[in-house]
Amino acid sequence: MPSILEYLVSMIVNWVVSRKPQVELPVSEHWLLTYNHERPHDSLGAVPPLTFLPRPSSPGPSPYRLST
């Protein structure tokens, strides 16, 4: 049987979680567009991800031949 303290903590946690503000979709879309199109990322050489993205996904053919 749960203690009174455990019950009260669970009630408070449920109340706090239910009161948490919901993120509106337009704000999320704006943040995502800014993050991917404008904000430079250090790990990508200080360019936005969509500027960095257009690059070959696989290397071209090798100028070297395999020996058999």
C-alpha atoms as a PDB file:
ATOM      1  CA  MET A   1       0.000   0.000   0.000  1.00  0.00           C
ATOM      2  CA  PRO A   2       1.490   3.403  -1.007  1.00  0.00           C
ATOM      3  CA  SER A   3       2.254   5.863   1.716  1.00  0.00           C
ATOM      4  CA  ILE A   4       0.520   9.216   2.010  1.00  0.00           C
ATOM      5  CA  LEU A   5       3.745  10.931   0.912  1.00  0.00           C
ATOM      6  CA  GLU A   6       3.985   8.800  -2.258  1.00  0.00           C
ATOM      7  CA  TYR A   7       0.336   9.532  -3.011  1.00  0.00           C
ATOM      8  CA  LEU A   8       0.797  13.276  -2.552  1.00  0.00           C
ATOM      9  CA  VAL A   9       3.948  13.311  -4.695  1.00  0.00           C
ATOM     10  CA  SER A  10       2.168  11.437  -7.483  1.00  0.00           C
ATOM     11  CA  MET A  11      -0.779  13.865  -7.304  1.00  0.00           C
ATOM     12  CA  ILE A  12       1.547  16.876  -7.494  1.00  0.00           C
ATOM     13  CA  VAL A  13       3.501  15.389 -10.403  1.00  0.00           C
ATOM     14  CA  ASN A  14       0.288  14.648 -12.294  1.00  0.00           C
ATOM     15  CA  TRP A  15      -0.965  18.184 -11.671  1.00  0.00           C
ATOM     16  CA  VAL A  16       2.297  19.770 -12.871  1.00  0.00           C
ATOM     17  CA  VAL A  17       2.428  17.596 -15.992  1.00  0.00           C
ATOM     18  CA  SER A  18      -1.197  18.363 -16.862  1.00  0.00           C
ATOM     19  CA  ARG A  19      -0.537  22.126 -16.535  1.00  0.00           C
ATOM     20  CA  LYS A  20       2.507  22.144 -18.776  1.00  0.00           C
ATOM     21  CA  PRO A  21       1.977  24.546 -21.721  1.00  0.00           C
ATOM     22  CA  GLN A  22       1.570  22.973 -25.116  1.00  0.00           C
ATOM     23  CA  VAL A  23       3.844  24.084 -27.934  1.00  0.00           C
ATOM     24  CA  GLU A  24       1.890  25.578 -30.793  1.00  0.00           C
ATOM     25  CA  LEU A  25       2.629  24.205 -34.252  1.00  0.00           C
ATOM     26  CA  PRO A  26       3.455  27.547 -35.956  1.00  0.00           C
ATOM     27  CA  VAL A  27       6.077  28.278 -33.283  1.00  0.00           C
ATOM     28  CA  SER A  28       7.571  24.831 -33.801  1.00  0.00           C
ATOM     29  CA  GLU A  29       7.638  25.267 -37.581  1.00  0.00           C
ATOM     30  CA  HIS A  30       9.302  28.670 -37.235  1.00  0.00           C
ATOM     31  CA  TRP A  31      11.926  27.247 -34.871  1.00  0.00           C
ATOM     32  CA  LEU A  32      12.578  24.312 -37.199  1.00  0.00           C
ATOM     33  CA  LEU A  33      12.972  26.558 -40.246  1.00  0.00           C
ATOM     34  CA  THR A  34      15.345  28.860 -38.358  1.00  0.00           C
ATOM     35  CA  TYR A  35      17.323  25.915 -36.995  1.00  0.00           C
ATOM     36  CA  ASN A  36      17.741  24.224 -40.381  1.00  0.00           C
ATOM     37  CA  HIS A  37      18.017  27.227 -42.738  1.00  0.00           C
ATOM     38  CA  GLU A  38      19.629  30.071 -40.807  1.00  0.00           C
ATOM     39  CA  ARG A  39      21.395  28.949 -37.631  1.00  0.00           C
ATOM     40  CA  PRO A  40      25.024  27.958 -38.209  1.00  0.00           C
ATOM     41  CA  HIS A  41      26.077  24.648 -36.669  1.00  0.00           C
ATOM     42  CA  ASP A  42      29.618  24.349 -35.355  1.00  0.00           C
ATOM     43  CA  SER A  43      29.836  20.651 -36.205  1.00  0.00           C
ATOM     44  CA  LEU A  44      29.098  21.444 -39.879  1.00  0.00           C
ATOM     45  CA  GLY A  45      31.760  24.109 -40.270  1.00  0.00           C
ATOM     46  CA  ALA A  46      29.528  27.006 -39.145  1.00  0.00           C
ATOM     47  CA  VAL A  47      26.937  26.547 -41.903  1.00  0.00           C
ATOM     48  CA  PRO A  48      23.227  25.666 -41.586  1.00  0.00           C
ATOM     49  CA  PRO A  49      22.344  21.991 -42.150  1.00  0.00           C
ATOM     50  CA  LEU A  50      20.478  22.595 -45.414  1.00  0.00           C
ATOM     51  CA  THR A  51      23.468  24.493 -46.815  1.00  0.00           C
ATOM     52  CA  PHE A  52      25.720  21.620 -45.825  1.00  0.00           C
ATOM     53  CA  LEU A  53      23.337  18.895 -47.056  1.00  0.00           C
ATOM     54  CA  PRO A  54      23.660  19.194 -50.862  1.00  0.00           C
ATOM     55  CA  ARG A  55      26.709  17.030 -51.238  1.00  0.00           C
ATOM     56  CA  PRO A  56      27.225  13.605 -52.733  1.00  0.00           C
ATOM     57  CA  SER A  57      25.834  10.890 -50.510  1.00  0.00           C
ATOM     58  CA  SER A  58      28.347   8.392 -51.877  1.00  0.00           C
ATOM     59  CA  PRO A  59      31.823   8.768 -53.280  1.00  0.00           C
ATOM     60  CA  GLY A  60      32.276   8.758 -57.019  1.00  0.00           C
ATOM     61  CA  PRO A  61      34.069   5.961 -58.832  1.00  0.00           C
ATOM     62  CA  SER A  62      37.587   5.301 -57.665  1.00  0.00           C
ATOM     63  CA  PRO A  63      40.439   6.031 -60.066  1.00  0.00           C
ATOM     64  CA  TYR A  64      42.174   2.914 -58.725  1.00  0.00           C
ATOM     65  CA  ARG A  65      41.625  -0.595 -59.997  1.00  0.00           C
ATOM     66  CA  LEU A  66      41.402  -3.635 -57.770  1.00  0.00           C
ATOM     67  CA  SER A  67      43.978  -6.277 -58.481  1.00  0.00           C
ATOM     68  CA  THR A  68      42.805  -9.852 -58.844  1.00  0.00           C
END
